[in-house]
Protein backbone atom coordinates (compact mmCIF):
# COMPACT_ATOMS: atom_id res chain seq x y z
CA MET A 1 71.85 181.01 78.51
CA ARG A 2 73.43 183.46 76.33
CA ALA A 3 73.98 181.36 73.14
CA TYR A 4 69.73 180.70 73.75
CA LEU A 5 69.16 183.88 72.92
CA ASP A 6 70.92 184.84 70.71
CA LEU A 7 69.46 182.28 68.24
CA LEU A 8 65.72 183.42 69.34
CA ARG A 9 67.27 186.58 68.46
CA ARG A 10 68.89 185.85 65.15
CA GLU A 11 66.50 183.38 63.72
CA LYS A 12 63.26 184.47 63.24
CA ASP A 13 61.51 181.67 61.95
CA PHE A 14 63.25 179.34 64.49
CA ARG A 15 61.46 181.70 67.33
CA ARG A 16 57.70 181.60 65.65
CA ALA A 17 58.20 177.80 65.94
CA TYR A 18 59.25 177.55 68.95
CA LEU A 19 56.73 179.55 70.76
CA ALA A 20 54.20 178.19 68.95
CA GLN A 21 55.35 174.57 70.06
CA LEU A 22 55.71 176.88 74.16
CA ILE A 23 51.94 177.93 73.74
CA ALA A 24 50.62 175.05 72.37
CA LEU A 25 51.94 172.79 74.92
CA GLY A 26 51.37 174.96 77.46
CA GLY A 27 47.94 174.93 76.18
CA ASP A 28 47.31 171.68 77.13
CA TRP A 29 47.22 172.22 80.69
CA PHE A 30 44.59 175.20 80.79
CA ALA A 31 42.07 172.15 80.21
CA ILE A 32 43.24 169.69 81.92
CA ILE A 33 43.92 170.82 85.04
CA PRO A 34 40.89 172.38 85.18
CA LEU A 35 39.43 168.92 83.61
CA LEU A 36 40.67 166.50 86.63
CA VAL A 37 38.39 169.15 88.94
CA LEU A 38 35.03 169.90 87.22
CA LEU A 39 34.26 166.24 85.91
CA PRO A 40 34.71 165.17 89.70
CA GLN A 41 32.40 168.05 90.77
CA LEU A 42 30.07 167.40 88.50
CA THR A 43 29.76 163.16 88.15
CA GLY A 44 30.69 162.65 92.12
CA THR A 45 33.52 160.33 90.55
CA GLY A 46 37.18 160.71 89.28
CA ILE A 47 35.84 158.01 86.63
CA TRP A 48 35.74 160.24 84.25
CA GLY A 49 38.99 162.53 85.17
CA ALA A 50 40.58 158.94 84.63
CA LEU A 51 39.02 158.18 81.57
CA VAL A 52 40.16 161.89 79.85
CA LEU A 53 43.53 160.95 80.65
CA ALA A 54 43.08 157.76 79.68
CA ALA A 55 41.80 159.61 76.53
CA ASP A 56 44.89 162.26 76.14
CA THR A 57 47.50 159.07 76.77
CA LEU A 58 46.32 156.38 74.42
CA VAL A 59 45.05 158.63 71.48
CA PHE A 60 47.97 159.54 71.37
CA ALA A 61 50.19 157.03 71.22
CA LEU A 62 47.85 154.97 69.35
CA VAL A 63 47.27 158.02 66.45
CA GLY A 64 51.05 158.84 66.89
CA PRO A 65 52.77 155.58 64.53
CA TYR A 66 51.06 156.32 62.18
CA ALA A 67 51.56 160.30 62.23
CA GLY A 68 55.07 159.72 62.49
CA THR A 69 54.41 157.96 58.83
CA VAL A 70 52.44 160.25 57.12
CA ILE A 71 54.78 163.66 58.23
CA ASP A 72 57.49 163.08 56.19
CA ARG A 73 54.86 162.87 52.77
CA LEU A 74 53.14 166.54 53.62
CA ASP A 75 53.76 169.85 53.75
CA ARG A 76 55.19 169.74 57.47
CA ARG A 77 53.71 173.24 58.41
CA ARG A 78 50.72 172.36 56.75
CA VAL A 79 51.15 169.41 59.08
CA ILE A 80 51.13 172.07 62.07
CA VAL A 81 48.99 174.89 61.27
CA VAL A 82 46.23 172.08 60.72
CA SER A 83 46.69 170.18 63.69
CA ASN A 84 46.70 173.53 66.06
CA LEU A 85 43.91 174.31 64.32
CA VAL A 86 41.98 170.95 64.74
CA ALA A 87 43.28 171.50 68.34
CA GLY A 88 41.79 174.49 69.04
CA LEU A 89 38.05 174.32 67.76
CA ALA A 90 38.23 170.85 69.65
CA ALA A 91 38.91 172.55 73.38
CA LEU A 92 35.96 174.79 72.56
CA LEU A 93 34.19 171.83 73.16
CA LEU A 94 35.00 171.66 77.24
CA VAL A 95 32.76 174.65 76.94
CA LEU A 96 29.77 172.37 76.83
CA VAL A 97 30.77 170.58 79.56
CA ARG A 98 28.33 171.11 82.08
CA SER A 99 26.82 168.82 83.91
CA GLU A 100 27.06 164.68 84.08
CA ALA A 101 25.09 164.32 80.95
CA THR A 102 28.00 166.23 79.52
CA ALA A 103 31.08 164.72 80.35
CA TRP A 104 31.42 162.54 77.75
CA ILE A 105 31.99 165.20 75.64
CA ALA A 106 35.44 166.35 77.37
CA LEU A 107 36.41 162.44 76.15
CA VAL A 108 36.03 163.65 72.79
CA ALA A 109 37.68 166.87 72.65
CA ILE A 110 40.48 165.87 74.37
CA GLY A 111 40.87 162.98 71.68
CA ILE A 112 40.53 165.13 68.96
CA VAL A 113 43.47 166.69 70.75
CA ALA A 114 45.44 164.51 71.70
CA ALA A 115 45.21 162.97 67.69
CA ALA A 116 45.27 166.81 66.95
CA LYS A 117 48.47 166.94 68.68
CA ALA A 118 50.26 163.43 67.62
CA PHE A 119 50.84 165.19 63.94
CA ALA A 120 51.92 168.60 64.98
CA GLN A 121 54.75 167.76 67.74
CA PRO A 122 56.51 164.67 65.38
CA ALA A 123 56.34 167.52 62.62
CA GLY A 124 57.94 170.00 64.44
CA ALA A 125 60.75 168.20 65.90
CA ALA A 126 61.34 167.18 61.83
CA ALA A 127 61.30 170.48 60.92
CA LEU A 128 63.64 171.51 63.27
CA PRO A 129 67.00 170.81 60.65
CA ASN A 130 65.38 173.42 58.26
CA LEU A 131 64.46 176.07 60.66
CA VAL A 132 68.30 176.72 61.89
CA ASP A 133 71.21 176.64 60.57
CA GLU A 134 73.64 173.54 60.72
CA GLU A 135 75.82 175.23 63.12
CA ASP A 136 73.09 176.30 65.59
CA LEU A 137 71.38 172.72 64.87
CA SER A 138 72.44 171.36 68.66
CA THR A 139 70.73 174.89 70.73
CA ALA A 140 67.85 174.63 69.09
CA ALA A 141 67.86 171.07 69.45
CA VAL A 142 68.15 171.31 73.41
CA LEU A 143 65.33 174.09 73.18
CA ASN A 144 62.95 172.13 71.80
CA GLY A 145 63.63 169.44 73.71
CA ALA A 146 63.42 171.27 76.83
CA SER A 147 60.16 172.69 75.70
CA TRP A 148 57.52 169.59 77.09
CA GLY A 149 59.09 170.34 80.91
CA THR A 150 59.50 173.54 80.76
CA MET A 151 56.01 174.09 80.16
CA LEU A 152 54.99 170.86 81.99
CA ALA A 153 56.23 173.29 84.73
CA VAL A 154 54.76 176.43 84.51
CA GLY A 155 51.58 175.27 82.94
CA ALA A 156 50.79 172.83 85.42
CA GLY A 157 50.11 175.56 88.00
CA LEU A 158 48.89 178.05 85.94
CA GLY A 159 46.44 175.68 84.77
CA GLY A 160 45.49 174.99 88.52
CA LEU A 161 46.02 179.07 89.27
CA LEU A 162 43.73 180.08 86.81
CA SER A 163 40.96 177.48 87.51
CA ALA A 164 40.18 178.93 90.46
CA THR A 165 40.70 182.14 90.27
CA LEU A 166 39.02 183.00 86.63
CA GLY A 167 36.74 179.81 86.53
CA PHE A 168 36.72 176.61 84.23
CA THR A 169 34.88 177.91 81.18
CA VAL A 170 38.19 180.91 80.90
CA CYS A 171 40.66 178.01 81.00
CA PHE A 172 38.78 176.71 78.23
CA VAL A 173 38.29 179.76 76.01
CA LEU A 174 42.44 180.64 76.73
CA ASP A 175 43.07 176.95 76.11
CA ALA A 176 41.64 177.35 72.19
CA VAL A 177 43.49 181.39 71.56
CA LEU A 178 46.49 179.61 72.21
CA LEU A 179 46.16 176.82 70.16
CA LEU A 180 44.93 178.95 67.31
CA GLY A 181 48.00 181.49 68.06
CA ALA A 182 50.42 178.37 67.81
CA ALA A 183 48.86 177.80 64.17
CA GLY A 184 49.19 181.43 62.75
CA LEU A 185 52.38 181.87 64.89
CA THR A 186 53.58 178.49 62.41
CA ALA A 187 51.32 179.70 59.30
CA ALA A 188 53.83 183.37 59.92
CA THR A 189 57.15 181.23 59.13
CA SER A 190 59.18 182.02 55.94
CA ARG A 191 61.80 178.96 55.61
CA PRO A 192 60.25 175.41 54.48
CA PHE A 193 59.54 173.15 56.90
CA SER A 194 61.11 170.43 54.93
CA ASP A 195 64.47 169.94 52.34
CA PRO A 196 63.30 170.81 49.17
CA THR A 197 65.78 168.62 47.42
CA VAL A 198 65.04 165.35 49.40
CA PRO A 199 62.19 163.78 46.94
CA PRO A 200 58.90 162.73 49.71
CA ARG A 201 58.51 159.26 51.29
CA GLU A 202 57.63 156.43 49.15
CA ARG A 203 53.78 154.50 50.35
CA ARG A 204 54.19 151.85 52.58
CA PRO A 205 52.69 149.73 55.73
CA VAL A 206 52.89 151.33 59.09
CA ARG A 207 53.62 148.46 60.37
CA GLN A 208 56.92 148.43 58.24
CA ASP A 209 58.06 151.67 59.43
CA ILE A 210 57.29 150.97 63.38
CA GLY A 211 59.65 147.53 62.41
CA GLU A 212 62.01 149.35 61.04
CA ALA A 213 62.58 152.42 63.27
CA LEU A 214 62.26 149.34 66.36
CA SER A 215 65.26 148.05 64.72
CA TYR A 216 67.12 150.82 64.18
CA ALA A 217 66.03 151.09 68.09
CA ARG A 218 67.93 147.92 68.67
CA ARG A 219 70.83 148.79 67.21
CA GLU A 220 71.52 152.16 67.90
CA HIS A 221 71.18 151.26 72.49
CA ARG A 222 72.06 155.58 72.40
CA VAL A 223 68.51 155.74 71.08
CA LEU A 224 66.80 152.71 72.96
CA ALA A 225 68.05 154.75 76.04
CA LEU A 226 66.93 157.90 75.08
CA LEU A 227 63.34 156.22 74.40
CA THR A 228 63.76 154.27 77.93
CA CYS A 229 64.38 158.10 79.88
CA LYS A 230 61.66 159.89 78.06
CA ALA A 231 59.39 157.02 78.54
CA ALA A 232 59.97 157.28 82.88
CA PRO A 233 58.84 160.08 83.41
CA ARG A 234 56.05 160.62 81.29
CA SER A 235 54.43 157.71 83.03
CA ALA A 236 55.29 158.85 86.52
CA THR A 237 53.67 161.82 85.48
CA ALA A 238 50.87 160.45 84.20
CA ARG A 239 50.06 158.37 87.58
CA CYS A 240 51.34 161.97 89.34
CA ARG A 241 47.66 163.34 87.48
CA CYS A 242 46.11 159.85 88.14
CA SER A 243 45.97 160.44 91.50
CA ARG A 244 43.92 163.81 91.67
CA CYS A 245 41.66 162.16 90.02
CA THR A 246 40.70 160.45 93.06
CA ALA A 247 42.62 162.07 96.09
CA PRO A 248 40.67 165.37 97.21
CA PRO A 249 42.44 168.36 98.18
CA PRO A 250 44.19 169.26 100.45
CA SER A 251 41.60 171.06 102.93
CA GLY A 252 41.66 175.28 102.61
CA TRP A 253 43.47 174.79 99.12
CA GLY A 254 40.20 174.67 96.75
CA ARG A 255 40.32 174.24 93.03
CA SER A 256 44.53 175.52 92.90
CA ALA A 257 45.95 172.56 94.77
CA SER A 258 45.18 170.80 91.93
CA GLY A 259 47.95 172.91 89.47
């Protein structure tokens, strides 16, 4: 723990980028958890909540491969800043979800946020070697890798608690503020997010880059194992989240049970 805290203390740019990633990941739950409660109340069915989860997952999965081929050709800091700005503005659209007739806005907003995440998250991971010295890279990678699980535990709980105590609209506005704050923190960094000595990658068809990545994973069994391990808990989490769309909370727990 001391090594991690020391790294965060010493490396100002990594600290800002890491905090930006944490609050962006945490902000997701201030939208998803309230929506899983609000939409069934407005529509009388869990279908809309399931569609929100599908939009979040499928849009990210579809845009991700394309985004991964693009971020190495662009300024990664700018990609992250613009992505978080777009996600923050999209999150504000959720305050318009007030009836069954406006439930579709949730799908549009969450879809835009998911597409923005598909650019921001790989750009942040790719920038990591440029934000710390080589001897600190392994420590920074551990912190960066644990951020999703950390905010899954913290963000989901806070999302349920705040939606029960402060209301849905406050949660949606807070999500937008967090995403805009993440953009500001990233913009405040000074280290380059890419190695200036490495020329930009040539433009190639997306399918060619995806094929190259799959071939590499087949050759490197450890990489394939890591990809499989990453997919399994995400799939389990998605199933647990979907169960919230159709299963009512325990009697007396109210909206906070959804966290």
